[in-house]
Amino acid sequence: MSKIIIEDIEIEVVKKNIKNINLSVHPPFGDVRISAPERMNDESLKSFVNSRIAWIRKQRGKYMTRERSSEKGFVTGEYHSLYGNDLMLEVHETSGRQYAEVGCEGKINMFVRKGSSAEKREKLLYDMYRELLKDKLPECIKRWETVIGVSVNQWGVKLMKTRWGTCNIKSKRIWINLELAKKGPRCLEYIVVHELTHLLERYHNKSFYGYMDRFLPEWKEIRKELNGMA
């Protein structure tokens, strides 16, 4: 068994005595696997994967969406992830402003009106995630801009189903996935480095991964953590 990387998606490859290629995406983390004929060379295999990349991302996106919802009710006693740690949610009724915050006791305190829906509570939690990321990102981006020798004109945070981050080369704008607030701090660093590196090299090729090895030697290990494979 070997592995190839296409657009930052790690794909397990098994070559067998078969006639056709079998491509599959597996739960719970969207692992991608290919069974290919023994005679098929790597270039042909990569070409096939590139032709199916949109389908792969769509399937992986389904697992990310399921992980996000997971039938949570956003009630007292539930645990929700923040920077790699599971914090207990404590819901309080209020007649004032509705919001969520990390309490000094290591809990997530949420203040809602009586009868608030699970959807509303989820939005409050993600609003908190967004603000925490926006507080953390400026220093992180500035530090890695200096290391990598690039600069961005604009950055933002939004919920994305199939990507942890994106980079618009022309406008020098990067987007960071809101879901990264749930992951360990070094996962956020990895995505920032990844997207900034695209300002040096547009494509996921040997040059790009050479830069990644130089700037963040442990990036492969972090990627496994990010995708729940560590």
Foldseek 3Di string as FASTA:
>chain_A
DDWDAFPNQIEAEAEDCDDDKDWDFDDQLGHIYIYHHPPDDPVNVNVVCVVCVVVSLVVNLVNQVCVLPVPDFQAFQAWAFFQQDTATEHEAEDPDDWAWDQDPVRHIYTYYHPPDGSVVSSVRVLVHLQVVCVVPPVVLLVVLCVVLVHDAPEEGEEADRRDQKEADLVRRYIYGHSCCRRHHPVLSSLVSNLRRLCNVPVGPDPVSVVSCCVRPVCSVVSVCRVSVND
